[in-house]
Amino acid sequence: MRKTRNTLLASLAFAAMGLGAAGTAFASSYIHSTNSEKGYVVHPEHFKSDKTRAQVQAETAEFVKNGGTDSFRSSNYPPLESQASTMTRKQVMDELKNESPAQRKARLEMIRG
């Protein structure tokens, strides 16, 4: 009984320390937890960057020069290298018909994601 109680108290102490540490994790960042529907509040003045303003501006200029986000917003994705198939349609169909159930399951899971 005494051993169980000591184990329980030790477990509760570790849990309390873990919860306390989780709250302090936000203290050094610019995101702080709150008791609101959102659950956090952002303080931009607490943000500390490891880059200078000039470095960020140079990265942004390079990004825009390379097409920026416009290439993705217009669904104009970079072209993929096409891989020419060496099999005929009949060979592909035969391969699909003769695959094992495990291979079929793996193929379908790969397609579904």
C-alpha atoms as a PDB file:
ATOM      1  CA  MET A   1       0.000   0.000   0.000  1.00  0.00           C
ATOM      2  CA  ARG A   2       2.756   2.425   0.995  1.00  0.00           C
ATOM      3  CA  LYS A   3       4.827   1.569  -2.097  1.00  0.00           C
ATOM      4  CA  THR A   4       1.807   2.149  -4.355  1.00  0.00           C
ATOM      5  CA  ARG A   5       1.116   5.502  -2.705  1.00  0.00           C
ATOM      6  CA  ASN A   6       4.750   6.614  -3.098  1.00  0.00           C
ATOM      7  CA  THR A   7       4.758   5.560  -6.738  1.00  0.00           C
ATOM      8  CA  LEU A   8       1.513   7.425  -7.320  1.00  0.00           C
ATOM      9  CA  LEU A   9       2.842  10.570  -5.633  1.00  0.00           C
ATOM     10  CA  ALA A  10       6.048  10.402  -7.672  1.00  0.00           C
ATOM     11  CA  SER A  11       4.039   9.997 -10.877  1.00  0.00           C
ATOM     12  CA  LEU A  12       1.837  12.966 -10.002  1.00  0.00           C
ATOM     13  CA  ALA A  13       4.901  15.069  -9.205  1.00  0.00           C
ATOM     14  CA  PHE A  14       6.459  14.285 -12.588  1.00  0.00           C
ATOM     15  CA  ALA A  15       3.177  15.029 -14.338  1.00  0.00           C
ATOM     16  CA  ALA A  16       2.919  18.385 -12.565  1.00  0.00           C
ATOM     17  CA  MET A  17       6.497  19.260 -13.525  1.00  0.00           C
ATOM     18  CA  GLY A  18       5.753  18.305 -17.124  1.00  0.00           C
ATOM     19  CA  LEU A  19       2.695  20.519 -17.251  1.00  0.00           C
ATOM     20  CA  GLY A  20       4.641  23.354 -15.667  1.00  0.00           C
ATOM     21  CA  ALA A  21       7.435  22.997 -18.199  1.00  0.00           C
ATOM     22  CA  ALA A  22       4.932  23.017 -21.061  1.00  0.00           C
ATOM     23  CA  GLY A  23       3.660  26.409 -19.924  1.00  0.00           C
ATOM     24  CA  THR A  24       7.152  27.881 -19.687  1.00  0.00           C
ATOM     25  CA  ALA A  25       8.017  26.701 -23.186  1.00  0.00           C
ATOM     26  CA  PHE A  26       5.996  29.629 -24.530  1.00  0.00           C
ATOM     27  CA  ALA A  27       7.669  32.141 -22.226  1.00  0.00           C
ATOM     28  CA  SER A  28      10.732  32.557 -24.444  1.00  0.00           C
ATOM     29  CA  SER A  29       8.791  32.689 -27.706  1.00  0.00           C
ATOM     30  CA  TYR A  30       6.507  35.280 -29.212  1.00  0.00           C
ATOM     31  CA  ILE A  31       3.467  32.990 -28.856  1.00  0.00           C
ATOM     32  CA  HIS A  32       1.926  32.824 -25.375  1.00  0.00           C
ATOM     33  CA  SER A  33      -0.885  30.563 -24.219  1.00  0.00           C
ATOM     34  CA  THR A  34      -4.152  32.082 -23.015  1.00  0.00           C
ATOM     35  CA  ASN A  35      -7.470  30.859 -21.690  1.00  0.00           C
ATOM     36  CA  SER A  36      -9.409  31.888 -24.768  1.00  0.00           C
ATOM     37  CA  GLU A  37     -11.084  30.099 -27.617  1.00  0.00           C
ATOM     38  CA  LYS A  38      -7.986  30.537 -29.759  1.00  0.00           C
ATOM     39  CA  GLY A  39      -5.682  29.219 -27.013  1.00  0.00           C
ATOM     40  CA  TYR A  40      -2.759  31.557 -27.685  1.00  0.00           C
ATOM     41  CA  VAL A  41      -1.856  35.178 -28.314  1.00  0.00           C
ATOM     42  CA  VAL A  42       0.967  36.465 -30.529  1.00  0.00           C
ATOM     43  CA  HIS A  43       3.339  39.185 -29.321  1.00  0.00           C
ATOM     44  CA  PRO A  44       5.420  40.243 -32.370  1.00  0.00           C
ATOM     45  CA  GLU A  45       7.650  42.441 -30.214  1.00  0.00           C
ATOM     46  CA  HIS A  46       8.955  39.274 -28.483  1.00  0.00           C
ATOM     47  CA  PHE A  47      10.182  37.750 -31.761  1.00  0.00           C
ATOM     48  CA  LYS A  48      13.954  37.285 -31.992  1.00  0.00           C
ATOM     49  CA  SER A  49      15.370  36.621 -35.452  1.00  0.00           C
ATOM     50  CA  ASP A  50      18.779  35.226 -36.281  1.00  0.00           C
ATOM     51  CA  LYS A  51      18.782  37.030 -39.647  1.00  0.00           C
ATOM     52  CA  THR A  52      19.268  40.685 -40.402  1.00  0.00           C
ATOM     53  CA  ARG A  53      16.715  42.728 -42.301  1.00  0.00           C
ATOM     54  CA  ALA A  54      19.094  42.870 -45.295  1.00  0.00           C
ATOM     55  CA  GLN A  55      19.383  39.050 -45.369  1.00  0.00           C
ATOM     56  CA  VAL A  56      15.607  38.635 -45.345  1.00  0.00           C
ATOM     57  CA  GLN A  57      15.203  41.235 -48.094  1.00  0.00           C
ATOM     58  CA  ALA A  58      17.860  39.485 -50.220  1.00  0.00           C
ATOM     59  CA  GLU A  59      16.119  36.107 -49.774  1.00  0.00           C
ATOM     60  CA  THR A  60      12.776  37.657 -50.700  1.00  0.00           C
ATOM     61  CA  ALA A  61      14.222  39.310 -53.810  1.00  0.00           C
ATOM     62  CA  GLU A  62      15.748  35.999 -54.925  1.00  0.00           C
ATOM     63  CA  PHE A  63      12.457  34.177 -54.295  1.00  0.00           C
ATOM     64  CA  VAL A  64      10.485  36.695 -56.365  1.00  0.00           C
ATOM     65  CA  LYS A  65      13.137  36.609 -59.116  1.00  0.00           C
ATOM     66  CA  ASN A  66      12.735  32.824 -59.331  1.00  0.00           C
ATOM     67  CA  GLY A  67       8.978  33.098 -59.868  1.00  0.00           C
ATOM     68  CA  GLY A  68       7.801  33.599 -56.302  1.00  0.00           C
ATOM     69  CA  THR A  69       4.442  32.229 -55.294  1.00  0.00           C
ATOM     70  CA  ASP A  70       2.777  33.232 -58.563  1.00  0.00           C
ATOM     71  CA  SER A  71       4.026  30.074 -60.244  1.00  0.00           C
ATOM     72  CA  PHE A  72       2.054  27.999 -57.733  1.00  0.00           C
ATOM     73  CA  ARG A  73      -1.008  30.247 -57.385  1.00  0.00           C
ATOM     74  CA  SER A  74      -1.803  29.920 -61.070  1.00  0.00           C
ATOM     75  CA  SER A  75      -1.450  26.118 -60.908  1.00  0.00           C
ATOM     76  CA  ASN A  76       1.600  26.496 -63.134  1.00  0.00           C
ATOM     77  CA  TYR A  77       3.687  23.911 -61.327  1.00  0.00           C
ATOM     78  CA  PRO A  78       7.203  23.123 -62.506  1.00  0.00           C
ATOM     79  CA  PRO A  79       7.124  20.424 -65.174  1.00  0.00           C
ATOM     80  CA  LEU A  80       8.079  16.927 -64.161  1.00  0.00           C
ATOM     81  CA  GLU A  81      10.531  14.951 -66.206  1.00  0.00           C
ATOM     82  CA  SER A  82       8.522  12.487 -68.256  1.00  0.00           C
ATOM     83  CA  GLN A  83       9.559   8.881 -68.108  1.00  0.00           C
ATOM     84  CA  ALA A  84       8.960   6.988 -71.303  1.00  0.00           C
ATOM     85  CA  SER A  85       7.382   3.582 -70.762  1.00  0.00           C
ATOM     86  CA  THR A  86       8.940   0.564 -72.405  1.00  0.00           C
ATOM     87  CA  MET A  87       5.825  -1.582 -71.894  1.00  0.00           C
ATOM     88  CA  THR A  88       2.790  -1.807 -74.135  1.00  0.00           C
ATOM     89  CA  ARG A  89      -0.745  -1.295 -72.827  1.00  0.00           C
ATOM     90  CA  LYS A  90      -1.373  -5.051 -72.949  1.00  0.00           C
ATOM     91  CA  GLN A  91       1.752  -5.763 -70.908  1.00  0.00           C
ATOM     92  CA  VAL A  92       0.672  -3.264 -68.251  1.00  0.00           C
ATOM     93  CA  MET A  93      -2.829  -4.757 -68.075  1.00  0.00           C
ATOM     94  CA  ASP A  94      -1.386  -8.276 -67.782  1.00  0.00           C
ATOM     95  CA  GLU A  95       0.909  -7.135 -64.989  1.00  0.00           C
ATOM     96  CA  LEU A  96      -2.029  -5.625 -63.076  1.00  0.00           C
ATOM     97  CA  LYS A  97      -4.134  -8.767 -63.542  1.00  0.00           C
ATOM     98  CA  ASN A  98      -1.352 -11.054 -62.302  1.00  0.00           C
ATOM     99  CA  GLU A  99      -0.295  -9.085 -59.197  1.00  0.00           C
ATOM    100  CA  SER A 100      -0.637 -10.722 -55.797  1.00  0.00           C
ATOM    101  CA  PRO A 101      -3.177  -9.443 -53.252  1.00  0.00           C
ATOM    102  CA  ALA A 102      -0.327  -8.012 -51.155  1.00  0.00           C
ATOM    103  CA  GLN A 103       1.067  -6.141 -54.169  1.00  0.00           C
ATOM    104  CA  ARG A 104      -2.412  -4.844 -55.044  1.00  0.00           C
ATOM    105  CA  LYS A 105      -2.953  -3.651 -51.477  1.00  0.00           C
ATOM    106  CA  ALA A 106       0.436  -1.872 -51.439  1.00  0.00           C
ATOM    107  CA  ARG A 107      -0.265  -0.236 -54.814  1.00  0.00           C
ATOM    108  CA  LEU A 108      -3.700   0.994 -53.752  1.00  0.00           C
ATOM    109  CA  GLU A 109      -2.381   2.337 -50.436  1.00  0.00           C
ATOM    110  CA  MET A 110       0.362   4.183 -52.304  1.00  0.00           C
ATOM    111  CA  ILE A 111      -2.216   5.774 -54.606  1.00  0.00           C
ATOM    112  CA  ARG A 112      -4.584   6.728 -51.767  1.00  0.00           C
ATOM    113  CA  GLY A 113      -1.803   8.202 -49.643  1.00  0.00           C
END
